[in-house]
Amino acid sequence: MHDPDLERLFSALIDADISDADHTRLERRLSADPAVRREFLSWMAMESALEWGAGNDSGKQPSAPHLPSAGTTDWKHRHAVAAGMAGAAIAGVIAVCVMMAGSRNTSPAVAEAARPSLEAAPVQAMAWMSGLQQAHWHGDRIWQLGEAITTGPLQLTAGSAQLEFASGAKVVLTAPADVEVLSPSRLFLRSGSITPFVPPTARGFTVVCPSGEVVDLGTEFSMQVDASGKADVYVIDGEVDVAVGHGPTAGRRRLTQGFGSSLLQAVSHEPRDTARPVIVDHFDGRLQATEGCSPLAWSTWDRDCAAEVKDGSLQIPIDGTAGRQYPIVRVVADHDLPFAGNRTTITAKITLPDGGTAAREHRWAGIVIDDAAQDKTPLAAYQPEVALGVLLSPNWQVGVWGRGEEVQKHHRVFARDDDAVGPYQLVIVVDDSPAGRKRNGSSTASVTVNGLEVLAEYPLRLGSRPRLQFQTHTEHRDGGRGVVLVDDVSVSVALNAAGEFAVGENSTGRNSLDAEALMPGKALPSAE
């Protein structure tokens, strides 16, 4: 590939004069595009050969390559990186690529652990270990960040891990999980829970399980397989093809955002629906084609800092205007949401801005469930009257609040793409079903962000009219232009075995706002 800008970045990296901004941009390109990583590998292999020929006339044994910690610009060990036999150099470069594609905040200890062994024979990597959080594996196997993965089984017994496939797909494993990498675009899930994220370039990525298979068509979904081989699939965003059994005769069904299905082993009929969306909003000004779905109706509560629907997203200011009255900008869904008596799943894609007037650590997006019947004014995520508040920061951290207490503090999640601060993929499950209340003693909420469960079955006090809101806030009020983007919001309800709502059939909500207000480019009306 001929890319003058990419060649300039490679040269600056090799010559040890790359700026912080260029270093960050190169990291993002390496993370996002397998073709860029292959080109980088080729460049570094060529550099290795040139340095070997020019600098090894003494007959001395070359020293091991020094790989810098991710997040540093110390590339002055050019000759050490380039030294070594071709196979070792290539293995080192692969590790550099993967470490650069991860967090720039990776500690020196983690970077040191990610160094490959010089004795390792070159292998064709199907995937890489791109994220680890308190991960433990079956037996005495210890996987390191950046380590290449060939075909074979992986058994995660504790914690979580993220695999990045050569095709560009990323898969989060949550323990316990038993998987096997089959190819750069194919994974076998024997048991456990995974969340694949498949960008358009990796369309066709397939997860095979004992009872069937799921073909991703450019989306994100969650999948769990139990000990009997039964699989449950839920589409967070986009669409997938699910099949019971394997091969061309398998019963297949296409699922879109908000739908769920169960695949039963040794059953030849089509997958059984387990969740159905009642609301789906892509903020593109069109009604959902799915029968029974409607867009959300939103109202803005901070009049001096209004949100609007624009360019296919709900845009909520995060910095506001100088001297604005409220430190928090709030946009509220004007619906009667189907929480009561059901197991309800809410999903949304949230992107935070990288620039702005406030420091990144002081800029947050919040997703809140409160009680509209209690107070006409929406509440901040951390106030005691709030049933649940989820706060997202620009540096991939999540905090969860309930009844005025922080029940999950600064849980770090995996990056989803090359954007430094998003998008986050948020999933909130509110379980007010009779079975859930009987099992847990009350209504509960679970929160998953980017495939990681950050809160599980937290006791929830739902008000008489639960309300959903999105909010932003910052500790600075000196003005700015930053906005949080909210997209692809869905609200789904679990179905019973007959394919009906488990408890009472809820309406799609009341649209009290004029449909014209939801069209792109129109500001949302302020609440009275």
Protein backbone atom coordinates (compact mmCIF):
# COMPACT_ATOMS: atom_id res chain seq x y z
CA MET A 1 0.00 0.00 0.00
CA HIS A 2 1.28 3.46 -0.87
CA ASP A 3 0.36 5.97 1.81
CA PRO A 4 2.72 8.96 2.06
CA ASP A 5 1.39 9.97 5.49
CA LEU A 6 1.85 6.45 6.84
CA GLU A 7 5.37 6.25 5.42
CA ARG A 8 6.19 9.57 7.10
CA LEU A 9 4.93 8.23 10.45
CA PHE A 10 6.99 5.04 10.08
CA SER A 11 10.12 7.02 9.24
CA ALA A 12 9.64 9.38 12.17
CA LEU A 13 9.16 6.41 14.48
CA ILE A 14 12.32 4.70 13.26
CA ASP A 15 14.35 7.95 13.42
CA ALA A 16 13.21 8.62 17.02
CA ASP A 17 11.75 12.07 16.28
CA ILE A 18 8.04 11.25 16.27
CA SER A 19 5.82 13.75 18.09
CA ASP A 20 3.27 12.76 20.72
CA ALA A 21 0.42 13.67 18.37
CA ASP A 22 1.86 11.56 15.53
CA HIS A 23 2.59 8.73 17.95
CA THR A 24 -1.07 8.71 19.04
CA ARG A 25 -2.28 8.86 15.43
CA LEU A 26 -0.02 5.94 14.47
CA GLU A 27 -1.32 3.92 17.43
CA ARG A 28 -4.88 4.47 16.29
CA ARG A 29 -4.16 3.49 12.70
CA LEU A 30 -2.33 0.35 13.82
CA SER A 31 -5.22 -0.59 16.09
CA ALA A 32 -7.90 0.00 13.47
CA ASP A 33 -6.46 -1.57 10.32
CA PRO A 34 -4.75 -4.97 9.91
CA ALA A 35 -3.34 -3.79 6.56
CA VAL A 36 -1.50 -0.97 8.33
CA ARG A 37 -0.05 -3.45 10.82
CA ARG A 38 1.16 -5.65 7.96
CA GLU A 39 2.78 -2.66 6.28
CA PHE A 40 4.44 -1.67 9.54
CA LEU A 41 5.72 -5.21 9.94
CA SER A 42 7.21 -5.09 6.45
CA TRP A 43 8.90 -1.75 7.11
CA MET A 44 10.42 -2.90 10.38
CA ALA A 45 11.58 -6.19 8.91
CA MET A 46 13.32 -4.26 6.13
CA GLU A 47 14.88 -1.90 8.67
CA SER A 48 16.06 -4.89 10.67
CA ALA A 49 17.77 -6.36 7.63
CA LEU A 50 19.47 -3.05 6.80
CA GLU A 51 20.68 -2.53 10.36
CA TRP A 52 21.89 -6.12 10.57
CA GLY A 53 24.00 -5.72 7.45
CA ALA A 54 25.38 -2.33 8.46
CA GLY A 55 26.01 -2.88 12.13
CA ASN A 56 27.02 -6.52 12.68
CA ASP A 57 30.45 -6.70 11.07
CA SER A 58 32.10 -7.32 14.43
CA GLY A 59 30.77 -10.84 14.68
CA LYS A 60 29.28 -10.15 18.10
CA GLN A 61 26.03 -11.76 19.13
CA PRO A 62 23.23 -9.18 18.79
CA SER A 63 21.48 -8.05 21.95
CA ALA A 64 17.81 -8.64 22.61
CA PRO A 65 15.51 -5.94 21.26
CA HIS A 66 14.30 -3.25 23.65
CA LEU A 67 10.57 -2.73 23.30
CA PRO A 68 9.36 0.58 24.78
CA SER A 69 6.41 0.74 27.12
CA ALA A 70 3.15 1.60 25.41
CA GLY A 71 2.49 5.30 25.85
CA THR A 72 6.13 6.43 25.65
CA THR A 73 8.05 8.06 22.82
CA ASP A 74 11.39 6.57 23.74
CA TRP A 75 12.34 5.11 20.37
CA LYS A 76 16.06 5.93 20.62
CA HIS A 77 17.03 2.26 20.79
CA ARG A 78 16.69 1.95 17.03
CA HIS A 79 19.66 -0.30 16.57
CA ALA A 80 18.60 -2.61 19.39
CA VAL A 81 15.09 -2.99 17.96
CA ALA A 82 16.47 -3.74 14.53
CA ALA A 83 19.11 -6.20 15.72
CA GLY A 84 18.56 -9.95 15.66
CA MET A 85 17.61 -12.60 13.21
CA ALA A 86 14.68 -11.92 10.88
CA GLY A 87 12.26 -14.20 12.70
CA ALA A 88 12.96 -12.66 16.09
CA ALA A 89 12.68 -9.16 14.66
CA ILE A 90 9.29 -9.92 13.15
CA ALA A 91 8.04 -11.42 16.42
CA GLY A 92 9.20 -8.31 18.25
CA VAL A 93 7.49 -6.01 15.79
CA ILE A 94 4.19 -7.89 16.19
CA ALA A 95 4.37 -7.34 19.93
CA VAL A 96 5.14 -3.63 19.43
CA CYS A 97 2.13 -3.28 17.11
CA VAL A 98 -0.24 -4.88 19.58
CA MET A 99 1.09 -2.97 22.56
CA MET A 100 0.79 0.29 20.64
CA ALA A 101 -2.77 -0.63 19.72
CA GLY A 102 -3.65 -0.98 23.40
CA SER A 103 -3.86 1.66 26.09
CA ARG A 104 -1.13 4.28 26.23
CA ASN A 105 -1.45 4.00 29.99
CA THR A 106 -0.09 0.45 30.07
CA SER A 107 2.39 0.17 32.92
CA PRO A 108 6.08 -0.61 32.31
CA ALA A 109 5.57 -3.93 34.14
CA VAL A 110 2.83 -4.96 31.71
CA ALA A 111 4.91 -3.85 28.73
CA GLU A 112 7.88 -5.83 30.05
CA ALA A 113 5.66 -8.90 30.42
CA ALA A 114 4.50 -8.52 26.82
CA ARG A 115 7.99 -8.96 25.37
CA PRO A 116 8.18 -12.07 23.20
CA SER A 117 10.77 -14.75 23.66
CA LEU A 118 13.61 -14.58 21.15
CA GLU A 119 13.60 -18.36 21.02
CA ALA A 120 9.97 -18.49 19.85
CA ALA A 121 9.62 -19.71 16.29
CA PRO A 122 7.71 -17.39 13.92
CA VAL A 123 4.06 -18.43 13.73
CA GLN A 124 1.05 -17.27 11.79
CA ALA A 125 -1.07 -15.40 14.30
CA MET A 126 -4.83 -15.79 14.06
CA ALA A 127 -5.39 -13.25 16.85
CA TRP A 128 -3.63 -11.33 19.61
CA MET A 129 -4.26 -10.90 23.30
CA SER A 130 -5.23 -7.21 23.31
CA GLY A 131 -6.65 -6.84 26.82
CA LEU A 132 -6.38 -8.54 30.20
CA GLN A 133 -8.13 -7.76 33.49
CA GLN A 134 -7.33 -10.05 36.41
CA ALA A 135 -7.35 -12.95 33.97
CA HIS A 136 -6.50 -16.49 35.05
CA TRP A 137 -6.34 -19.47 32.73
CA HIS A 138 -6.77 -23.21 33.06
CA GLY A 139 -3.66 -25.07 34.16
CA ASP A 140 -0.36 -23.22 34.36
CA ARG A 141 -0.82 -21.26 31.13
CA ILE A 142 -0.15 -17.52 31.48
CA TRP A 143 -1.11 -15.35 28.52
CA GLN A 144 0.65 -12.01 28.18
CA LEU A 145 -0.64 -8.76 26.70
CA GLY A 146 0.32 -8.63 23.04
CA GLU A 147 0.97 -12.36 22.71
CA ALA A 148 0.07 -13.94 19.37
CA ILE A 149 -2.61 -16.63 19.35
CA THR A 150 -2.66 -19.48 16.85
CA THR A 151 -5.41 -22.07 16.54
CA GLY A 152 -6.22 -23.90 19.74
CA PRO A 153 -8.29 -23.78 22.95
CA LEU A 154 -8.38 -21.00 25.53
CA GLN A 155 -9.93 -21.61 28.94
CA LEU A 156 -10.49 -18.48 31.03
CA THR A 157 -11.24 -19.38 34.65
CA ALA A 158 -11.34 -15.89 36.22
CA GLY A 159 -11.36 -12.25 35.15
CA SER A 160 -11.75 -11.10 31.57
CA ALA A 161 -9.74 -10.84 28.37
CA GLN A 162 -10.05 -9.33 24.93
CA LEU A 163 -8.86 -11.00 21.73
CA GLU A 164 -8.21 -9.00 18.58
CA PHE A 165 -8.46 -11.15 15.46
CA ALA A 166 -6.46 -10.63 12.29
CA SER A 167 -9.74 -9.92 10.52
CA GLY A 168 -10.28 -6.86 12.77
CA ALA A 169 -12.94 -8.39 15.04
CA LYS A 170 -12.56 -8.00 18.80
CA VAL A 171 -14.01 -10.50 21.27
CA VAL A 172 -14.32 -10.00 25.03
CA LEU A 173 -14.26 -13.18 27.13
CA THR A 174 -15.85 -13.17 30.58
CA ALA A 175 -14.89 -16.02 32.91
CA PRO A 176 -15.64 -18.82 32.95
CA ALA A 177 -15.27 -19.18 29.20
CA ASP A 178 -14.02 -22.06 27.06
CA VAL A 179 -13.26 -21.04 23.47
CA GLU A 180 -11.11 -22.18 20.57
CA VAL A 181 -9.65 -19.95 17.85
CA LEU A 182 -10.36 -21.62 14.50
CA SER A 183 -9.20 -18.95 12.04
CA PRO A 184 -8.79 -15.15 11.77
CA SER A 185 -12.57 -14.89 11.31
CA ARG A 186 -13.94 -17.91 13.17
CA LEU A 187 -14.25 -18.79 16.87
CA PHE A 188 -15.70 -21.83 18.63
CA LEU A 189 -17.52 -21.11 21.91
CA ARG A 190 -17.82 -24.34 23.85
CA SER A 191 -19.24 -22.69 26.98
CA GLY A 192 -19.29 -19.36 28.72
CA SER A 193 -19.95 -15.74 27.79
CA ILE A 194 -18.46 -13.58 25.03
CA THR A 195 -19.18 -10.24 23.38
CA PRO A 196 -17.85 -9.87 19.82
CA PHE A 197 -17.42 -6.43 18.25
CA VAL A 198 -17.19 -6.71 14.48
CA PRO A 199 -16.44 -3.60 12.39
CA PRO A 200 -17.58 -3.52 8.74
CA THR A 201 -14.15 -4.69 7.56
CA ALA A 202 -14.60 -7.96 9.50
CA ARG A 203 -18.13 -8.66 8.28
CA GLY A 204 -18.80 -12.41 8.25
CA PHE A 205 -16.99 -13.16 11.51
CA THR A 206 -18.58 -16.38 12.81
CA VAL A 207 -19.03 -17.82 16.29
CA VAL A 208 -19.69 -21.56 16.27
CA CYS A 209 -21.21 -23.33 19.28
CA PRO A 210 -22.48 -26.88 19.93
CA SER A 211 -26.07 -25.96 19.05
CA GLY A 212 -25.49 -23.76 16.02
CA GLU A 213 -23.63 -20.71 14.79
CA VAL A 214 -23.87 -16.92 14.60
CA VAL A 215 -22.62 -14.99 11.57
CA ASP A 216 -21.94 -11.34 12.33
CA LEU A 217 -22.91 -8.84 9.65
CA GLY A 218 -21.04 -5.90 11.14
CA THR A 219 -22.31 -5.35 14.66
CA GLU A 220 -21.93 -6.14 18.33
CA PHE A 221 -23.72 -8.94 20.13
CA SER A 222 -23.52 -10.97 23.31
CA MET A 223 -23.58 -14.75 23.42
CA GLN A 224 -23.72 -17.28 26.25
CA VAL A 225 -23.48 -21.06 26.03
CA ASP A 226 -24.35 -23.27 29.00
CA ALA A 227 -23.10 -26.74 29.89
CA SER A 228 -25.86 -28.40 27.85
CA GLY A 229 -24.84 -26.57 24.69
CA LYS A 230 -27.82 -24.19 24.63
CA ALA A 231 -26.87 -20.76 23.33
CA ASP A 232 -28.49 -17.39 23.97
CA VAL A 233 -27.77 -14.51 21.58
CA TYR A 234 -28.66 -10.84 22.03
CA VAL A 235 -27.98 -8.22 19.33
CA ILE A 236 -26.65 -5.03 20.87
CA ASP A 237 -26.16 -3.19 17.58
CA GLY A 238 -26.47 -4.05 13.88
CA GLU A 239 -27.58 -7.50 12.76
CA VAL A 240 -26.56 -11.16 12.79
CA ASP A 241 -27.63 -14.41 11.17
CA VAL A 242 -28.29 -17.20 13.71
CA ALA A 243 -28.70 -20.86 12.88
CA VAL A 244 -29.73 -23.97 14.78
CA GLY A 245 -27.35 -26.75 13.78
CA HIS A 246 -24.60 -26.53 11.17
CA GLY A 247 -24.41 -26.64 7.42
CA PRO A 248 -26.75 -25.47 4.63
CA THR A 249 -29.81 -27.27 6.04
CA ALA A 250 -29.67 -25.47 9.39
CA GLY A 251 -32.67 -23.33 10.27
CA ARG A 252 -31.59 -19.69 10.03
CA ARG A 253 -32.95 -16.36 11.13
CA ARG A 254 -31.71 -12.79 10.84
CA LEU A 255 -31.80 -10.75 14.04
CA THR A 256 -31.51 -6.97 14.26
CA GLN A 257 -30.79 -4.67 17.18
CA GLY A 258 -32.75 -5.45 20.32
CA PHE A 259 -33.73 -9.00 19.36
CA GLY A 260 -32.59 -12.10 21.19
CA SER A 261 -32.74 -15.80 20.34
CA SER A 262 -32.11 -19.14 21.96
CA LEU A 263 -30.40 -21.96 20.05
CA LEU A 264 -31.17 -25.44 21.38
CA GLN A 265 -28.84 -28.34 20.71
CA ALA A 266 -30.09 -31.15 18.46
CA VAL A 267 -33.18 -29.18 17.45
CA SER A 268 -33.80 -28.69 13.73
CA HIS A 269 -36.33 -25.85 13.82
CA GLU A 270 -35.50 -22.15 13.66
CA PRO A 271 -34.09 -20.29 16.67
CA ARG A 272 -36.64 -19.30 19.30
CA ASP A 273 -37.04 -15.58 19.97
CA THR A 274 -36.22 -14.58 23.54
CA ALA A 275 -36.24 -10.76 23.40
CA ARG A 276 -38.10 -8.24 21.28
CA PRO A 277 -37.47 -4.48 20.97
CA VAL A 278 -40.31 -2.09 21.73
CA ILE A 279 -38.23 1.01 21.01
CA VAL A 280 -35.33 1.46 18.59
CA ASP A 281 -33.93 4.88 17.71
CA HIS A 282 -31.07 5.48 15.29
CA PHE A 283 -31.73 9.25 15.24
CA ASP A 284 -31.93 9.28 11.45
CA GLY A 285 -35.44 10.72 11.23
CA ARG A 286 -37.06 7.47 10.11
CA LEU A 287 -39.43 5.16 11.92
CA GLN A 288 -38.16 1.66 12.56
CA ALA A 289 -39.16 -0.87 9.92
CA THR A 290 -39.55 -3.46 12.69
CA GLU A 291 -43.25 -3.83 13.44
CA GLY A 292 -44.25 -2.37 16.80
CA CYS A 293 -41.08 -0.31 17.32
CA SER A 294 -41.05 3.46 17.63
CA PRO A 295 -38.37 6.12 18.09
CA LEU A 296 -37.87 7.64 21.50
CA ALA A 297 -39.38 11.02 22.29
CA TRP A 298 -36.86 13.26 24.02
CA SER A 299 -37.13 16.54 25.89
CA THR A 300 -34.25 18.71 27.04
CA TRP A 301 -34.21 20.08 30.60
CA ASP A 302 -31.33 22.56 30.57
CA ARG A 303 -32.61 25.40 28.45
CA ASP A 304 -29.36 27.36 28.26
CA CYS A 305 -27.58 24.33 26.82
CA ALA A 306 -30.03 22.54 24.55
CA ALA A 307 -29.48 19.13 22.97
CA GLU A 308 -30.47 18.38 19.38
CA VAL A 309 -30.80 15.55 16.91
CA LYS A 310 -28.25 16.13 14.16
CA ASP A 311 -26.22 14.03 11.69
CA GLY A 312 -27.75 10.78 12.89
CA SER A 313 -27.06 11.26 16.60
CA LEU A 314 -28.55 12.81 19.67
CA GLN A 315 -26.00 15.52 20.49
CA ILE A 316 -25.77 16.69 24.11
CA PRO A 317 -23.40 19.55 25.05
CA ILE A 318 -20.82 18.64 27.64
CA ASP A 319 -19.03 21.97 28.18
CA GLY A 320 -22.03 24.22 27.83
CA THR A 321 -21.78 27.98 27.66
CA ALA A 322 -19.85 30.40 29.86
CA GLY A 323 -21.67 31.00 33.14
CA ARG A 324 -24.44 28.54 32.40
CA GLN A 325 -26.92 28.01 35.17
CA TYR A 326 -26.70 24.21 35.44
CA PRO A 327 -23.55 22.12 35.82
CA ILE A 328 -25.45 19.21 34.26
CA VAL A 329 -27.14 18.99 30.87
CA ARG A 330 -30.04 16.53 30.88
CA VAL A 331 -32.09 14.98 28.09
CA VAL A 332 -35.00 12.79 29.17
CA ALA A 333 -36.97 10.10 27.35
CA ASP A 334 -40.64 11.09 27.44
CA HIS A 335 -41.99 7.52 27.42
CA ASP A 336 -43.67 5.11 29.74
CA LEU A 337 -40.88 2.55 29.55
CA PRO A 338 -41.75 -1.15 30.02
CA PHE A 339 -39.83 -1.77 33.25
CA ALA A 340 -42.73 -2.89 35.43
CA GLY A 341 -43.13 -6.67 35.55
CA ASN A 342 -40.56 -7.36 32.83
CA ARG A 343 -36.94 -8.08 32.18
CA THR A 344 -35.98 -5.04 30.13
CA THR A 345 -32.71 -4.46 28.25
CA ILE A 346 -31.54 -0.95 27.34
CA THR A 347 -28.63 -0.47 24.95
CA ALA A 348 -26.96 2.67 23.63
CA LYS A 349 -23.79 3.79 21.91
CA ILE A 350 -22.08 6.75 23.63
CA THR A 351 -19.16 8.79 22.25
CA LEU A 352 -17.41 11.44 24.35
CA PRO A 353 -15.43 14.32 22.80
CA ASP A 354 -11.67 14.37 23.07
CA GLY A 355 -11.27 18.15 23.01
CA GLY A 356 -12.90 20.93 24.99
CA THR A 357 -12.36 23.44 27.74
CA ALA A 358 -12.40 21.07 30.71
CA ALA A 359 -9.77 18.46 31.50
CA ARG A 360 -10.72 14.97 30.36
CA GLU A 361 -11.04 13.64 33.91
CA HIS A 362 -13.69 16.29 34.64
CA ARG A 363 -15.99 15.46 31.72
CA TRP A 364 -18.58 12.72 32.10
CA ALA A 365 -21.62 11.28 30.40
CA GLY A 366 -24.32 9.80 32.60
CA ILE A 367 -27.19 7.37 31.98
CA VAL A 368 -29.78 7.52 34.73
CA ILE A 369 -32.95 5.74 35.83
CA ASP A 370 -35.01 7.83 38.24
CA ASP A 371 -38.67 8.27 39.17
CA ALA A 372 -40.58 10.80 37.10
CA ALA A 373 -43.48 10.67 39.55
CA GLN A 374 -41.29 11.80 42.43
CA ASP A 375 -39.96 15.06 41.04
CA LYS A 376 -40.52 16.93 37.81
CA THR A 377 -36.83 17.82 37.63
CA PRO A 378 -34.50 15.01 36.49
CA LEU A 379 -31.83 14.12 39.02
CA ALA A 380 -28.06 13.88 38.66
CA ALA A 381 -26.59 10.38 38.51
CA TYR A 382 -25.11 10.53 42.00
CA GLN A 383 -28.11 11.87 43.94
CA PRO A 384 -29.71 9.60 46.58
CA GLU A 385 -33.12 9.54 44.90
CA VAL A 386 -31.70 8.00 41.72
CA ALA A 387 -32.31 4.27 41.30
CA LEU A 388 -29.27 3.80 39.05
CA GLY A 389 -26.66 6.10 37.53
CA VAL A 390 -23.88 5.01 35.16
CA LEU A 391 -21.06 7.51 34.55
CA LEU A 392 -18.65 7.20 31.63
CA SER A 393 -15.31 9.01 31.43
CA PRO A 394 -13.15 9.80 28.38
CA ASN A 395 -10.41 7.43 29.56
CA TRP A 396 -12.43 4.19 29.42
CA GLN A 397 -13.52 4.22 33.05
CA VAL A 398 -17.02 3.52 34.32
CA GLY A 399 -18.55 4.41 37.68
CA VAL A 400 -21.96 3.19 38.85
CA TRP A 401 -24.08 4.94 41.48
CA GLY A 402 -27.15 3.76 43.35
CA ARG A 403 -29.11 5.62 46.03
CA GLY A 404 -26.35 8.21 46.39
CA GLU A 405 -23.51 5.71 46.84
CA GLU A 406 -20.86 4.69 44.32
CA VAL A 407 -21.42 0.94 44.07
CA GLN A 408 -18.78 0.41 41.37
CA LYS A 409 -15.87 2.83 41.28
CA HIS A 410 -13.78 3.53 38.19
CA HIS A 411 -13.97 0.16 36.52
CA ARG A 412 -11.76 0.29 33.42
CA VAL A 413 -13.16 -1.27 30.27
CA PHE A 414 -11.62 -2.25 26.95
CA ALA A 415 -11.31 0.15 24.02
CA ARG A 416 -13.63 -0.65 21.16
CA ASP A 417 -11.99 1.06 18.17
CA ASP A 418 -9.35 3.64 17.23
CA ASP A 419 -11.26 6.57 18.72
CA ALA A 420 -9.52 7.69 21.91
CA VAL A 421 -12.73 8.28 23.82
CA GLY A 422 -15.43 6.13 22.28
CA PRO A 423 -17.74 4.77 21.44
CA TYR A 424 -18.82 3.06 24.59
CA GLN A 425 -21.36 0.29 24.05
CA LEU A 426 -23.65 0.30 27.08
CA VAL A 427 -26.09 -2.45 28.10
CA ILE A 428 -28.36 -2.09 31.16
CA VAL A 429 -30.65 -4.98 32.15
CA VAL A 430 -33.46 -4.09 34.56
CA ASP A 431 -35.06 -7.26 35.89
CA ASP A 432 -38.46 -6.67 37.48
CA SER A 433 -39.88 -10.01 36.31
CA PRO A 434 -41.58 -12.32 38.84
CA ALA A 435 -38.84 -14.91 38.36
CA GLY A 436 -36.13 -12.31 38.88
CA ARG A 437 -37.74 -10.84 41.98
CA LYS A 438 -38.20 -14.32 43.43
CA ARG A 439 -34.59 -15.23 42.75
CA ASN A 440 -33.02 -11.98 43.99
CA GLY A 441 -35.55 -10.73 46.51
CA SER A 442 -36.11 -7.48 44.62
CA SER A 443 -35.82 -5.85 41.23
CA THR A 444 -32.21 -5.76 40.03
CA ALA A 445 -30.00 -3.99 37.52
CA SER A 446 -26.92 -5.30 35.70
CA VAL A 447 -24.57 -3.09 33.69
CA THR A 448 -22.25 -4.19 30.89
CA VAL A 449 -19.91 -1.80 29.07
CA ASN A 450 -17.89 -2.88 26.03
CA GLY A 451 -18.56 -6.50 26.84
CA LEU A 452 -17.45 -6.31 30.48
CA GLU A 453 -20.03 -6.76 33.22
CA VAL A 454 -19.25 -3.94 35.66
CA LEU A 455 -22.31 -4.51 37.86
CA ALA A 456 -24.31 -7.71 38.42
CA GLU A 457 -27.85 -7.95 39.87
CA TYR A 458 -27.68 -4.81 41.97
CA PRO A 459 -30.85 -4.42 44.13
CA LEU A 460 -32.93 -1.73 42.51
CA ARG A 461 -35.72 0.43 43.89
CA LEU A 462 -37.91 1.26 40.94
CA GLY A 463 -40.31 4.16 41.36
CA SER A 464 -43.91 4.19 40.24
CA ARG A 465 -42.91 5.68 36.87
CA PRO A 466 -39.29 4.88 36.01
CA ARG A 467 -37.72 7.36 33.64
CA LEU A 468 -34.63 7.15 31.44
CA GLN A 469 -32.32 10.11 30.93
CA PHE A 470 -28.96 10.89 29.39
CA GLN A 471 -26.86 13.65 30.90
CA THR A 472 -23.45 15.27 30.70
CA HIS A 473 -21.58 17.26 33.32
CA THR A 474 -18.27 18.90 33.99
CA GLU A 475 -16.65 20.75 36.87
CA HIS A 476 -15.92 23.75 34.63
CA ARG A 477 -18.38 26.34 33.38
CA ASP A 478 -16.22 28.48 31.15
CA GLY A 479 -17.87 27.55 27.86
CA GLY A 480 -16.87 25.20 25.06
CA ARG A 481 -18.10 23.30 22.04
CA GLY A 482 -17.82 19.67 23.07
CA VAL A 483 -20.83 17.39 22.63
CA VAL A 484 -21.58 13.81 23.64
CA LEU A 485 -23.05 11.68 20.85
CA VAL A 486 -25.79 9.19 21.69
CA ASP A 487 -26.80 6.72 18.98
CA ASP A 488 -28.57 3.40 18.38
CA VAL A 489 -30.68 3.37 21.53
CA SER A 490 -32.98 0.39 22.01
CA VAL A 491 -35.32 -0.86 24.72
CA SER A 492 -36.22 -4.58 24.57
CA VAL A 493 -38.44 -6.86 26.63
CA ALA A 494 -37.88 -10.54 27.39
CA LEU A 495 -40.41 -13.00 25.95
CA ASN A 496 -41.84 -16.14 27.48
CA ALA A 497 -41.73 -19.58 25.87
CA ALA A 498 -44.78 -18.73 23.77
CA GLY A 499 -43.01 -15.71 22.30
CA GLU A 500 -45.08 -13.18 24.26
CA PHE A 501 -44.17 -10.53 26.78
CA ALA A 502 -43.50 -12.31 30.03
CA VAL A 503 -45.81 -10.17 32.18
CA GLY A 504 -48.38 -7.96 30.53
CA GLU A 505 -47.90 -6.49 27.11
CA ASN A 506 -46.57 -2.96 27.34
CA SER A 507 -47.18 -0.31 24.74
CA THR A 508 -44.32 1.30 22.84
CA GLY A 509 -44.72 4.33 25.05
CA ARG A 510 -46.48 7.63 24.64
CA ASN A 511 -45.04 10.04 22.11
CA SER A 512 -46.07 13.39 23.54
CA LEU A 513 -43.72 15.33 21.28
CA ASP A 514 -44.41 16.22 17.69
CA ALA A 515 -42.62 13.90 15.25
CA GLU A 516 -41.12 16.98 13.57
CA ALA A 517 -38.99 17.53 16.68
CA LEU A 518 -37.17 14.23 16.06
CA MET A 519 -36.04 15.10 12.53
CA PRO A 520 -32.29 15.65 11.98
CA GLY A 521 -31.15 19.22 12.51
CA LYS A 522 -34.05 20.08 14.82
CA ALA A 523 -33.40 21.08 18.42
CA LEU A 524 -35.36 19.15 21.03
CA PRO A 525 -38.00 21.21 22.85
CA SER A 526 -37.26 22.35 26.37
CA ALA A 527 -39.31 20.93 29.21
CA GLU A 528 -41.89 23.23 30.73
